[in-house]
């Protein structure tokens, strides 16, 4: 689970560049983790695909950020195998929020 969080935070950091902000919020009822950034955001037509295997948000004919489009796919796999749900919301020019909800087993 730790690697999953590092991946999401790394994606946010790449999105905001210098001077941006990442906010991490947690809740225990329900068990939830929210990672929000004030970066460039993602167009709504791409948000629904960011957890797909090999999907990379198009940025013209160049890729400023390296990667294979696997990080968020793997994040979804890990969260779902723990019985949880991962989702994203984003607004171009305003930033992106990744929300992870996990079942609470009462312990």
Foldseek 3Di string as FASTA:
>chain_A
DVLLVVLVVVVQCVQADPPKDWDWDADVVPGKIKIKIQGQKAPPVCQVCLLPFQDDRDDPPDDPDDDRSCSSVVSQVVLVVQVKGWGKDIDGNGIIMIMITGGDPPD
